[in-house]
PDB file of all heavy atoms in Angstrom:
ATOM      1  N   LEU A   1      94.059 103.504 100.429  1.00  0.00           N
ATOM      2  CA  LEU A   1      93.359 103.645  99.149  1.00  0.00           C
ATOM      3  C   LEU A   1      93.098 102.279  98.525  1.00  0.00           C
ATOM      4  O   LEU A   1      91.990 101.994  98.047  1.00  0.00           O
ATOM      5  CB  LEU A   1      94.199 104.497  98.188  1.00  0.00           C
ATOM      6  CG  LEU A   1      94.274 105.998  98.465  1.00  0.00           C
ATOM      7  CD1 LEU A   1      95.320 106.657  97.562  1.00  0.00           C
ATOM      8  CD2 LEU A   1      92.913 106.653  98.239  1.00  0.00           C
ATOM      9  N   VAL A   2      94.115 101.428  98.534  1.00  0.00           N
ATOM     10  CA  VAL A   2      93.979 100.106  97.925  1.00  0.00           C
ATOM     11  C   VAL A   2      93.002  99.240  98.718  1.00  0.00           C
ATOM     12  O   VAL A   2      92.190  98.504  98.131  1.00  0.00           O
ATOM     13  CB  VAL A   2      95.359  99.426  97.817  1.00  0.00           C
ATOM     14  CG1 VAL A   2      95.207  97.942  97.468  1.00  0.00           C
ATOM     15  CG2 VAL A   2      96.213 100.129  96.766  1.00  0.00           C
ATOM     16  N   SER A   3      93.062  99.320 100.025  1.00  0.00           N
ATOM     17  CA  SER A   3      92.157  98.504 100.856  1.00  0.00           C
ATOM     18  C   SER A   3      90.699  98.806 100.540  1.00  0.00           C
ATOM     19  O   SER A   3      89.858  97.899 100.495  1.00  0.00           O
ATOM     20  CB  SER A   3      92.437  98.757 102.340  1.00  0.00           C
ATOM     21  OG  SER A   3      93.702  98.251 102.705  1.00  0.00           O
ATOM     22  N   LYS A   4      90.378 100.065 100.320  1.00  0.00           N
ATOM     23  CA  LYS A   4      89.006 100.433  99.962  1.00  0.00           C
ATOM     24  C   LYS A   4      88.606  99.818  98.624  1.00  0.00           C
ATOM     25  O   LYS A   4      87.486  99.334  98.462  1.00  0.00           O
ATOM     26  CB  LYS A   4      88.873 101.954  99.896  1.00  0.00           C
ATOM     27  CG  LYS A   4      88.949 102.651 101.254  1.00  0.00           C
ATOM     28  CD  LYS A   4      88.823 104.175 101.096  1.00  0.00           C
ATOM     29  CE  LYS A   4      88.907 104.866 102.447  1.00  0.00           C
ATOM     30  NZ  LYS A   4      88.832 106.352 102.301  1.00  0.00           N
ATOM     31  N   ILE A   5      89.538  99.838  97.674  1.00  0.00           N
ATOM     32  CA  ILE A   5      89.245  99.264  96.352  1.00  0.00           C
ATOM     33  C   ILE A   5      89.084  97.759  96.443  1.00  0.00           C
ATOM     34  O   ILE A   5      88.178  97.169  95.839  1.00  0.00           O
ATOM     35  CB  ILE A   5      90.364  99.642  95.363  1.00  0.00           C
ATOM     36  CG1 ILE A   5      90.370 101.154  95.135  1.00  0.00           C
ATOM     37  CG2 ILE A   5      90.191  98.904  94.042  1.00  0.00           C
ATOM     38  CD1 ILE A   5      91.566 101.668  94.364  1.00  0.00           C
ATOM     39  N   VAL A   6      89.973  97.111  97.194  1.00  0.00           N
ATOM     40  CA  VAL A   6      89.885  95.654  97.375  1.00  0.00           C
ATOM     41  C   VAL A   6      88.538  95.282  97.989  1.00  0.00           C
ATOM     42  O   VAL A   6      87.849  94.357  97.525  1.00  0.00           O
ATOM     43  CB  VAL A   6      91.048  95.155  98.255  1.00  0.00           C
ATOM     44  CG1 VAL A   6      90.814  93.697  98.677  1.00  0.00           C
ATOM     45  CG2 VAL A   6      92.377  95.293  97.526  1.00  0.00           C
ATOM     46  N   LYS A   7      88.156  95.998  99.032  1.00  0.00           N
ATOM     47  CA  LYS A   7      86.874  95.729  99.702  1.00  0.00           C
ATOM     48  C   LYS A   7      85.703  95.935  98.745  1.00  0.00           C
ATOM     49  O   LYS A   7      84.751  95.134  98.729  1.00  0.00           O
ATOM     50  CB  LYS A   7      86.732  96.628 100.919  1.00  0.00           C
ATOM     51  CG  LYS A   7      85.481  96.351 101.745  1.00  0.00           C
ATOM     52  CD  LYS A   7      85.441  97.242 102.993  1.00  0.00           C
ATOM     53  CE  LYS A   7      84.182  96.948 103.818  1.00  0.00           C
ATOM     54  NZ  LYS A   7      84.132  97.816 105.041  1.00  0.00           N
ATOM     55  N   LYS A   8      85.754  96.975  97.946  1.00  0.00           N
ATOM     56  CA  LYS A   8      84.685  97.264  96.994  1.00  0.00           C
ATOM     57  C   LYS A   8      84.493  96.130  95.996  1.00  0.00           C
ATOM     58  O   LYS A   8      83.379  95.885  95.520  1.00  0.00           O
ATOM     59  CB  LYS A   8      84.997  98.562  96.255  1.00  0.00           C
ATOM     60  CG  LYS A   8      83.930  98.983  95.259  1.00  0.00           C
ATOM     61  CD  LYS A   8      84.292 100.299  94.591  1.00  0.00           C
ATOM     62  CE  LYS A   8      83.226 100.691  93.561  1.00  0.00           C
ATOM     63  NZ  LYS A   8      83.574 101.972  92.887  1.00  0.00           N
ATOM     64  N   HIS A   9      85.581  95.419  95.699  1.00  0.00           N
ATOM     65  CA  HIS A   9      85.509  94.324  94.735  1.00  0.00           C
ATOM     66  C   HIS A   9      85.449  92.952  95.422  1.00  0.00           C
ATOM     67  O   HIS A   9      85.771  91.925  94.817  1.00  0.00           O
ATOM     68  CB  HIS A   9      86.690  94.391  93.773  1.00  0.00           C
ATOM     69  CG  HIS A   9      86.599  95.542  92.816  1.00  0.00           C
ATOM     70  ND1 HIS A   9      87.009  96.818  93.150  1.00  0.00           N
ATOM     71  CD2 HIS A   9      86.092  95.627  91.558  1.00  0.00           C
ATOM     72  CE1 HIS A   9      86.794  97.631  92.128  1.00  0.00           C
ATOM     73  NE2 HIS A   9      86.233  96.937  91.154  1.00  0.00           N
ATOM     74  N   GLY A  10      85.024  92.958  96.674  1.00  0.00           N
ATOM     75  CA  GLY A  10      84.735  91.705  97.366  1.00  0.00           C
ATOM     76  C   GLY A  10      85.900  91.039  98.029  1.00  0.00           C
ATOM     77  O   GLY A  10      85.759  89.940  98.579  1.00  0.00           O
ATOM     78  N   GLY A  11      87.082  91.661  98.009  1.00  0.00           N
ATOM     79  CA  GLY A  11      88.252  91.038  98.599  1.00  0.00           C
ATOM     80  C   GLY A  11      88.543  91.515 100.004  1.00  0.00           C
ATOM     81  O   GLY A  11      87.855  92.385 100.542  1.00  0.00           O
ATOM     82  N   PHE A  12      89.576  90.937 100.614  1.00  0.00           N
ATOM     83  CA  PHE A  12      90.022  91.381 101.935  1.00  0.00           C
ATOM     84  C   PHE A  12      91.503  91.089 102.092  1.00  0.00           C
ATOM     85  O   PHE A  12      92.064  90.213 101.427  1.00  0.00           O
ATOM     86  CB  PHE A  12      89.213  90.724 103.054  1.00  0.00           C
ATOM     87  CG  PHE A  12      89.378  89.225 103.151  1.00  0.00           C
ATOM     88  CD1 PHE A  12      90.336  88.664 103.991  1.00  0.00           C
ATOM     89  CD2 PHE A  12      88.558  88.369 102.419  1.00  0.00           C
ATOM     90  CE1 PHE A  12      90.475  87.295 104.093  1.00  0.00           C
ATOM     91  CE2 PHE A  12      88.700  86.997 102.516  1.00  0.00           C
ATOM     92  CZ  PHE A  12      89.657  86.457 103.357  1.00  0.00           C
ATOM     93  N   GLY A  13      92.154  91.851 102.971  1.00  0.00           N
ATOM     94  CA  GLY A  13      93.577  91.703 103.211  1.00  0.00           C
ATOM     95  C   GLY A  13      93.888  90.715 104.304  1.00  0.00           C
ATOM     96  O   GLY A  13      93.081  90.509 105.221  1.00  0.00           O
ATOM     97  N   VAL A  14      95.066  90.092 104.215  1.00  0.00           N
ATOM     98  CA  VAL A  14      95.496  89.120 105.221  1.00  0.00           C
ATOM     99  C   VAL A  14      96.883  89.456 105.757  1.00  0.00           C
ATOM    100  O   VAL A  14      97.565  88.595 106.324  1.00  0.00           O
ATOM    101  CB  VAL A  14      95.464  87.677 104.661  1.00  0.00           C
ATOM    102  CG1 VAL A  14      94.036  87.208 104.480  1.00  0.00           C
ATOM    103  CG2 VAL A  14      96.227  87.575 103.343  1.00  0.00           C
ATOM    104  N   GLY A  15      97.326  90.698 105.573  1.00  0.00           N
ATOM    105  CA  GLY A  15      98.569  91.134 106.195  1.00  0.00           C
ATOM    106  C   GLY A  15      99.796  91.033 105.321  1.00  0.00           C
ATOM    107  O   GLY A  15      99.739  90.609 104.165  1.00  0.00           O
ATOM    108  N   LYS A  16     100.929  91.415 105.896  1.00  0.00           N
ATOM    109  CA  LYS A  16     102.167  91.470 105.125  1.00  0.00           C
ATOM    110  C   LYS A  16     103.090  90.268 105.343  1.00  0.00           C
ATOM    111  O   LYS A  16     104.110  90.150 104.660  1.00  0.00           O
ATOM    112  CB  LYS A  16     102.926  92.756 105.465  1.00  0.00           C
ATOM    113  CG  LYS A  16     103.341  92.909 106.913  1.00  0.00           C
ATOM    114  CD  LYS A  16     103.992  94.270 107.139  1.00  0.00           C
ATOM    115  CE  LYS A  16     104.392  94.447 108.602  1.00  0.00           C
ATOM    116  NZ  LYS A  16     104.979  95.784 108.852  1.00  0.00           N
ATOM    117  N   GLY A  17     102.741  89.357 106.248  1.00  0.00           N
ATOM    118  CA  GLY A  17     103.570  88.171 106.459  1.00  0.00           C
ATOM    119  C   GLY A  17     103.787  87.369 105.192  1.00  0.00           C
ATOM    120  O   GLY A  17     104.932  87.035 104.842  1.00  0.00           O
ATOM    121  N   PRO A  18     102.714  87.042 104.456  1.00  0.00           N
ATOM    122  CA  PRO A  18     102.888  86.302 103.202  1.00  0.00           C
ATOM    123  C   PRO A  18     103.706  87.087 102.179  1.00  0.00           C
ATOM    124  O   PRO A  18     104.441  86.508 101.380  1.00  0.00           O
ATOM    125  CB  PRO A  18     101.455  86.094 102.712  1.00  0.00           C
ATOM    126  CG  PRO A  18     100.622  86.220 103.932  1.00  0.00           C
ATOM    127  CD  PRO A  18     101.296  87.231 104.790  1.00  0.00           C
ATOM    128  N   GLY A  19     103.573  88.422 102.210  1.00  0.00           N
ATOM    129  CA  GLY A  19     104.339  89.246 101.293  1.00  0.00           C
ATOM    130  C   GLY A  19     105.825  89.168 101.547  1.00  0.00           C
ATOM    131  O   GLY A  19     106.641  89.220 100.626  1.00  0.00           O
ATOM    132  N   VAL A  20     106.213  89.028 102.813  1.00  0.00           N
ATOM    133  CA  VAL A  20     107.622  88.876 103.157  1.00  0.00           C
ATOM    134  C   VAL A  20     108.167  87.589 102.545  1.00  0.00           C
ATOM    135  O   VAL A  20     109.260  87.558 101.955  1.00  0.00           O
ATOM    136  CB  VAL A  20     107.813  88.866 104.688  1.00  0.00           C
ATOM    137  CG1 VAL A  20     109.256  88.504 105.047  1.00  0.00           C
ATOM    138  CG2 VAL A  20     107.447  90.221 105.276  1.00  0.00           C
ATOM    139  N   LEU A  21     107.394  86.501 102.659  1.00  0.00           N
ATOM    140  CA  LEU A  21     107.821  85.221 102.076  1.00  0.00           C
ATOM    141  C   LEU A  21     107.883  85.303 100.561  1.00  0.00           C
ATOM    142  O   LEU A  21     108.815  84.786  99.932  1.00  0.00           O
ATOM    143  CB  LEU A  21     106.863  84.112 102.509  1.00  0.00           C
ATOM    144  CG  LEU A  21     106.908  83.748 103.987  1.00  0.00           C
ATOM    145  CD1 LEU A  21     105.795  82.776 104.327  1.00  0.00           C
ATOM    146  CD2 LEU A  21     108.264  83.157 104.357  1.00  0.00           C
ATOM    147  N   TYR A  22     106.892  85.953  99.962  1.00  0.00           N
ATOM    148  CA  TYR A  22     106.891  86.134  98.505  1.00  0.00           C
ATOM    149  C   TYR A  22     108.143  86.887  98.070  1.00  0.00           C
ATOM    150  O   TYR A  22     108.812  86.531  97.091  1.00  0.00           O
ATOM    151  CB  TYR A  22     105.631  86.892  98.083  1.00  0.00           C
ATOM    152  CG  TYR A  22     105.687  87.463  96.679  1.00  0.00           C
ATOM    153  CD1 TYR A  22     105.467  86.651  95.570  1.00  0.00           C
ATOM    154  CD2 TYR A  22     105.961  88.813  96.470  1.00  0.00           C
ATOM    155  CE1 TYR A  22     105.519  87.173  94.291  1.00  0.00           C
ATOM    156  CE2 TYR A  22     106.020  89.346  95.200  1.00  0.00           C
ATOM    157  CZ  TYR A  22     105.793  88.527  94.109  1.00  0.00           C
ATOM    158  OH  TYR A  22     105.863  89.050  92.842  1.00  0.00           O
ATOM    159  N   ASP A  23     108.484  87.928  98.803  1.00  0.00           N
ATOM    160  CA  ASP A  23     109.652  88.743  98.484  1.00  0.00           C
ATOM    161  C   ASP A  23     110.938  87.930  98.582  1.00  0.00           C
ATOM    162  O   ASP A  23     111.859  88.107  97.786  1.00  0.00           O
ATOM    163  CB  ASP A  23     109.700  89.938  99.438  1.00  0.00           C
ATOM    164  CG  ASP A  23     110.294  91.174  98.787  1.00  0.00           C
ATOM    165  OD1 ASP A  23     110.242  91.272  97.544  1.00  0.00           O
ATOM    166  OD2 ASP A  23     110.789  92.051  99.509  1.00  0.00           O
ATOM    167  N   GLN A  24     110.993  87.034  99.547  1.00  0.00           N
ATOM    168  CA  GLN A  24     112.196  86.233  99.752  1.00  0.00           C
ATOM    169  C   GLN A  24     112.370  85.174  98.667  1.00  0.00           C
ATOM    170  O   GLN A  24     113.492  84.819  98.306  1.00  0.00           O
ATOM    171  CB  GLN A  24     112.152  85.554 101.122  1.00  0.00           C
ATOM    172  CG  GLN A  24     112.262  86.507 102.305  1.00  0.00           C
ATOM    173  CD  GLN A  24     112.002  85.813 103.632  1.00  0.00           C
ATOM    174  OE1 GLN A  24     111.504  84.676 103.682  1.00  0.00           O
ATOM    175  NE2 GLN A  24     112.346  86.481 104.727  1.00  0.00           N
ATOM    176  N   LYS A  25     111.250  84.648  98.140  1.00  0.00           N
ATOM    177  CA  LYS A  25     111.294  83.514  97.220  1.00  0.00           C
ATOM    178  C   LYS A  25     111.020  83.888  95.766  1.00  0.00           C
ATOM    179  O   LYS A  25     110.960  83.008  94.909  1.00  0.00           O
ATOM    180  CB  LYS A  25     110.253  82.462  97.660  1.00  0.00           C
ATOM    181  CG  LYS A  25     110.455  81.933  99.074  1.00  0.00           C
ATOM    182  CD  LYS A  25     111.744  81.149  99.205  1.00  0.00           C
ATOM    183  CE  LYS A  25     111.919  80.540 100.584  1.00  0.00           C
ATOM    184  NZ  LYS A  25     113.201  79.810 100.720  1.00  0.00           N
ATOM    185  N   LYS A  26     110.908  85.177  95.467  1.00  0.00           N
ATOM    186  CA  LYS A  26     110.411  85.584  94.151  1.00  0.00           C
ATOM    187  C   LYS A  26     111.341  85.207  92.999  1.00  0.00           C
ATOM    188  O   LYS A  26     110.891  85.119  91.854  1.00  0.00           O
ATOM    189  CB  LYS A  26     110.163  87.089  94.146  1.00  0.00           C
ATOM    190  CG  LYS A  26     111.396  87.941  94.413  1.00  0.00           C
ATOM    191  CD  LYS A  26     111.029  89.395  94.595  1.00  0.00           C
ATOM    192  CE  LYS A  26     112.263  90.240  94.935  1.00  0.00           C
ATOM    193  NZ  LYS A  26     111.892  91.640  95.234  1.00  0.00           N
ATOM    194  N   PHE A  27     112.622  84.991  93.276  1.00  0.00           N
ATOM    195  CA  PHE A  27     113.536  84.641  92.197  1.00  0.00           C
ATOM    196  C   PHE A  27     113.773  83.130  92.084  1.00  0.00           C
ATOM    197  O   PHE A  27     114.621  82.690  91.310  1.00  0.00           O
ATOM    198  CB  PHE A  27     114.879  85.340  92.393  1.00  0.00           C
ATOM    199  CG  PHE A  27     114.777  86.842  92.475  1.00  0.00           C
ATOM    200  CD1 PHE A  27     115.370  87.526  93.525  1.00  0.00           C
ATOM    201  CD2 PHE A  27     114.077  87.564  91.522  1.00  0.00           C
ATOM    202  CE1 PHE A  27     115.276  88.902  93.609  1.00  0.00           C
ATOM    203  CE2 PHE A  27     113.972  88.939  91.597  1.00  0.00           C
ATOM    204  CZ  PHE A  27     114.571  89.608  92.647  1.00  0.00           C
ATOM    205  N   ASP A  28     113.034  82.340  92.856  1.00  0.00           N
ATOM    206  CA  ASP A  28     113.261  80.894  92.888  1.00  0.00           C
ATOM    207  C   ASP A  28     112.381  80.110  91.916  1.00  0.00           C
ATOM    208  O   ASP A  28     112.614  78.929  91.685  1.00  0.00           O
ATOM    209  CB  ASP A  28     113.015  80.353  94.302  1.00  0.00           C
ATOM    210  CG  ASP A  28     114.030  80.876  95.306  1.00  0.00           C
ATOM    211  OD1 ASP A  28     115.079  81.398  94.870  1.00  0.00           O
ATOM    212  OD2 ASP A  28     113.774  80.780  96.516  1.00  0.00           O
ATOM    213  N   THR A  29     111.372  80.765  91.365  1.00  0.00           N
ATOM    214  CA  THR A  29     110.391  80.050  90.541  1.00  0.00           C
ATOM    215  C   THR A  29     111.014  79.259  89.394  1.00  0.00           C
ATOM    216  O   THR A  29     110.573  78.133  89.112  1.00  0.00           O
ATOM    217  CB  THR A  29     109.344  81.039  89.992  1.00  0.00           C
ATOM    218  OG1 THR A  29     108.743  81.727  91.087  1.00  0.00           O
ATOM    219  CG2 THR A  29     108.265  80.313  89.204  1.00  0.00           C
ATOM    220  N   PRO A  30     112.024  79.770  88.667  1.00  0.00           N
ATOM    221  CA  PRO A  30     112.561  78.994  87.539  1.00  0.00           C
ATOM    222  C   PRO A  30     113.088  77.618  87.913  1.00  0.00           C
ATOM    223  O   PRO A  30     113.133  76.726  87.059  1.00  0.00           O
ATOM    224  CB  PRO A  30     113.690  79.894  87.015  1.00  0.00           C
ATOM    225  CG  PRO A  30     113.266  81.284  87.378  1.00  0.00           C
ATOM    226  CD  PRO A  30     112.608  81.131  88.721  1.00  0.00           C
ATOM    227  N   TYR A  31     113.478  77.424  89.186  1.00  0.00           N
ATOM    228  CA  TYR A  31     113.953  76.100  89.586  1.00  0.00           C
ATOM    229  C   TYR A  31     112.855  75.042  89.497  1.00  0.00           C
ATOM    230  O   TYR A  31     113.141  73.851  89.354  1.00  0.00           O
ATOM    231  CB  TYR A  31     114.488  76.148  91.022  1.00  0.00           C
ATOM    232  CG  TYR A  31     115.844  76.785  91.175  1.00  0.00           C
ATOM    233  CD1 TYR A  31     115.962  78.118  91.562  1.00  0.00           C
ATOM    234  CD2 TYR A  31     117.015  76.069  90.957  1.00  0.00           C
ATOM    235  CE1 TYR A  31     117.203  78.715  91.724  1.00  0.00           C
ATOM    236  CE2 TYR A  31     118.267  76.649  91.117  1.00  0.00           C
ATOM    237  CZ  TYR A  31     118.356  77.979  91.493  1.00  0.00           C
ATOM    238  OH  TYR A  31     119.589  78.565  91.656  1.00  0.00           O
ATOM    239  N   LEU A  32     111.598  75.467  89.599  1.00  0.00           N
ATOM    240  CA  LEU A  32     110.486  74.527  89.498  1.00  0.00           C
ATOM    241  C   LEU A  32     110.444  73.838  88.138  1.00  0.00           C
ATOM    242  O   LEU A  32     110.067  72.669  88.030  1.00  0.00           O
ATOM    243  CB  LEU A  32     109.160  75.254  89.749  1.00  0.00           C
ATOM    244  CG  LEU A  32     108.634  75.279  91.172  1.00  0.00           C
ATOM    245  CD1 LEU A  32     107.497  76.275  91.299  1.00  0.00           C
ATOM    246  CD2 LEU A  32     108.170  73.892  91.599  1.00  0.00           C
ATOM    247  N   ARG A  33     110.801  74.574  87.081  1.00  0.00           N
ATOM    248  CA  ARG A  33     110.776  73.996  85.734  1.00  0.00           C
ATOM    249  C   ARG A  33     111.772  72.855  85.624  1.00  0.00           C
ATOM    250  O   ARG A  33     111.474  71.798  85.064  1.00  0.00           O
ATOM    251  CB  ARG A  33     111.089  75.096  84.717  1.00  0.00           C
ATOM    252  CG  ARG A  33     111.073  74.637  83.277  1.00  0.00           C
ATOM    253  CD  ARG A  33     111.425  75.787  82.356  1.00  0.00           C
ATOM    254  NE  ARG A  33     112.643  76.445  82.816  1.00  0.00           N
ATOM    255  CZ  ARG A  33     112.955  77.699  82.514  1.00  0.00           C
ATOM    256  NH1 ARG A  33     112.145  78.434  81.797  1.00  0.00           N
ATOM    257  NH2 ARG A  33     114.087  78.224  82.955  1.00  0.00           N
ATOM    258  N   ASP A  34     112.971  73.051  86.184  1.00  0.00           N
ATOM    259  CA  ASP A  34     113.973  71.987  86.166  1.00  0.00           C
ATOM    260  C   ASP A  34     113.514  70.782  86.982  1.00  0.00           C
ATOM    261  O   ASP A  34     113.715  69.633  86.580  1.00  0.00           O
ATOM    262  CB  ASP A  34     115.299  72.503  86.743  1.00  0.00           C
ATOM    263  CG  ASP A  34     115.958  73.536  85.850  1.00  0.00           C
ATOM    264  OD1 ASP A  34     115.247  74.448  85.386  1.00  0.00           O
ATOM    265  OD2 ASP A  34     117.171  73.444  85.628  1.00  0.00           O
ATOM    266  N   PHE A  35     112.904  71.068  88.138  1.00  0.00           N
ATOM    267  CA  PHE A  35     112.400  69.990  88.997  1.00  0.00           C
ATOM    268  C   PHE A  35     111.379  69.142  88.245  1.00  0.00           C
ATOM    269  O   PHE A  35     111.431  67.905  88.266  1.00  0.00           O
ATOM    270  CB  PHE A  35     111.761  70.596  90.245  1.00  0.00           C
ATOM    271  CG  PHE A  35     110.978  69.619  91.081  1.00  0.00           C
ATOM    272  CD1 PHE A  35     111.616  68.824  92.022  1.00  0.00           C
ATOM    273  CD2 PHE A  35     109.602  69.490  90.927  1.00  0.00           C
ATOM    274  CE1 PHE A  35     110.895  67.917  92.799  1.00  0.00           C
ATOM    275  CE2 PHE A  35     108.875  68.593  91.698  1.00  0.00           C
ATOM    276  CZ  PHE A  35     109.528  67.802  92.633  1.00  0.00           C
ATOM    277  N   PHE A  36     110.444  69.785  87.561  1.00  0.00           N
ATOM    278  CA  PHE A  36     109.407  69.042  86.847  1.00  0.00           C
ATOM    279  C   PHE A  36     110.004  68.270  85.682  1.00  0.00           C
ATOM    280  O   PHE A  36     109.583  67.140  85.393  1.00  0.00           O
ATOM    281  CB  PHE A  36     108.326  70.007  86.372  1.00  0.00           C
ATOM    282  CG  PHE A  36     107.058  69.326  85.918  1.00  0.00           C
ATOM    283  CD1 PHE A  36     106.480  68.322  86.665  1.00  0.00           C
ATOM    284  CD2 PHE A  36     106.446  69.696  84.726  1.00  0.00           C
ATOM    285  CE1 PHE A  36     105.313  67.678  86.254  1.00  0.00           C
ATOM    286  CE2 PHE A  36     105.281  69.077  84.300  1.00  0.00           C
ATOM    287  CZ  PHE A  36     104.722  68.061  85.067  1.00  0.00           C
ATOM    288  N   LEU A  37     110.999  68.847  85.015  1.00  0.00           N
ATOM    289  CA  LEU A  37     111.665  68.148  83.919  1.00  0.00           C
ATOM    290  C   LEU A  37     112.372  66.901  84.436  1.00  0.00           C
ATOM    291  O   LEU A  37     112.384  65.856  83.769  1.00  0.00           O
ATOM    292  CB  LEU A  37     112.663  69.089  83.236  1.00  0.00           C
ATOM    293  CG  LEU A  37     113.285  68.629  81.918  1.00  0.00           C
ATOM    294  CD1 LEU A  37     112.219  68.322  80.870  1.00  0.00           C
ATOM    295  CD2 LEU A  37     114.239  69.691  81.384  1.00  0.00           C
ATOM    296  N   ASP A  38     112.951  66.987  85.630  1.00  0.00           N
ATOM    297  CA  ASP A  38     113.578  65.816  86.253  1.00  0.00           C
ATOM    298  C   ASP A  38     112.587  64.681  86.467  1.00  0.00           C
ATOM    299  O   ASP A  38     112.959  63.509  86.528  1.00  0.00           O
ATOM    300  CB  ASP A  38     114.183  66.197  87.612  1.00  0.00           C
ATOM    301  CG  ASP A  38     115.412  67.081  87.493  1.00  0.00           C
ATOM    302  OD1 ASP A  38     115.993  67.146  86.407  1.00  0.00           O
ATOM    303  OD2 ASP A  38     115.778  67.712  88.513  1.00  0.00           O
ATOM    304  N   HIS A  39     111.298  65.047  86.623  1.00  0.00           N
ATOM    305  CA  HIS A  39     110.265  64.049  86.907  1.00  0.00           C
ATOM    306  C   HIS A  39     109.402  63.724  85.687  1.00  0.00           C
ATOM    307  O   HIS A  39     108.272  63.249  85.817  1.00  0.00           O
ATOM    308  CB  HIS A  39     109.370  64.539  88.055  1.00  0.00           C
ATOM    309  CG  HIS A  39     110.056  64.560  89.384  1.00  0.00           C
ATOM    310  ND1 HIS A  39     110.967  65.541  89.749  1.00  0.00           N
ATOM    311  CD2 HIS A  39     109.995  63.702  90.449  1.00  0.00           C
ATOM    312  CE1 HIS A  39     111.411  65.290  90.965  1.00  0.00           C
ATOM    313  NE2 HIS A  39     110.854  64.198  91.414  1.00  0.00           N
ATOM    314  N   GLY A  40     109.924  63.990  84.501  1.00  0.00           N
ATOM    315  CA  GLY A  40     109.227  63.587  83.278  1.00  0.00           C
ATOM    316  C   GLY A  40     108.216  64.587  82.758  1.00  0.00           C
ATOM    317  O   GLY A  40     107.394  64.244  81.898  1.00  0.00           O
ATOM    318  N   GLY A  41     108.253  65.806  83.251  1.00  0.00           N
ATOM    319  CA  GLY A  41     107.286  66.802  82.821  1.00  0.00           C
ATOM    320  C   GLY A  41     107.923  67.925  82.034  1.00  0.00           C
ATOM    321  O   GLY A  41     109.135  68.157  82.109  1.00  0.00           O
ATOM    322  N   ALA A  42     107.110  68.614  81.262  1.00  0.00           N
ATOM    323  CA  ALA A  42     107.550  69.804  80.539  1.00  0.00           C
ATOM    324  C   ALA A  42     106.725  70.986  81.032  1.00  0.00           C
ATOM    325  O   ALA A  42     105.496  70.914  81.066  1.00  0.00           O
ATOM    326  CB  ALA A  42     107.362  69.624  79.039  1.00  0.00           C
ATOM    327  N   ALA A  43     107.386  72.051  81.420  1.00  0.00           N
ATOM    328  CA  ALA A  43     106.699  73.244  81.904  1.00  0.00           C
ATOM    329  C   ALA A  43     107.398  74.474  81.354  1.00  0.00           C
ATOM    330  O   ALA A  43     108.628  74.515  81.286  1.00  0.00           O
ATOM    331  CB  ALA A  43     106.685  73.286  83.427  1.00  0.00           C
ATOM    332  N   ASP A  44     106.625  75.443  80.956  1.00  0.00           N
ATOM    333  CA  ASP A  44     107.209  76.683  80.452  1.00  0.00           C
ATOM    334  C   ASP A  44     106.193  77.803  80.619  1.00  0.00           C
ATOM    335  O   ASP A  44     105.098  77.592  81.170  1.00  0.00           O
ATOM    336  CB  ASP A  44     107.632  76.548  78.995  1.00  0.00           C
ATOM    337  CG  ASP A  44     108.875  77.383  78.674  1.00  0.00           C
ATOM    338  OD1 ASP A  44     109.376  78.084  79.569  1.00  0.00           O
ATOM    339  OD2 ASP A  44     109.351  77.330  77.513  1.00  0.00           O
ATOM    340  N   VAL A  45     106.535  78.982  80.127  1.00  0.00           N
ATOM    341  CA  VAL A  45     105.686  80.156  80.309  1.00  0.00           C
ATOM    342  C   VAL A  45     105.483  80.884  78.986  1.00  0.00           C
ATOM    343  O   VAL A  45     106.303  80.801  78.071  1.00  0.00           O
ATOM    344  CB  VAL A  45     106.286  81.137  81.333  1.00  0.00           C
ATOM    345  CG1 VAL A  45     106.414  80.471  82.693  1.00  0.00           C
ATOM    346  CG2 VAL A  45     107.637  81.663  80.871  1.00  0.00           C
TER     347      VAL A  45
END
């Protein structure tokens, strides 16, 4: 069902491999804010 909708709106699928990586790393994003702060930057949401 979703693939038909994606195609209708000009998109296309590239498989579940990237989704596996996303699932594994999804809780790591907040560490990026600390990393950028270490390098003189401010980042927030």
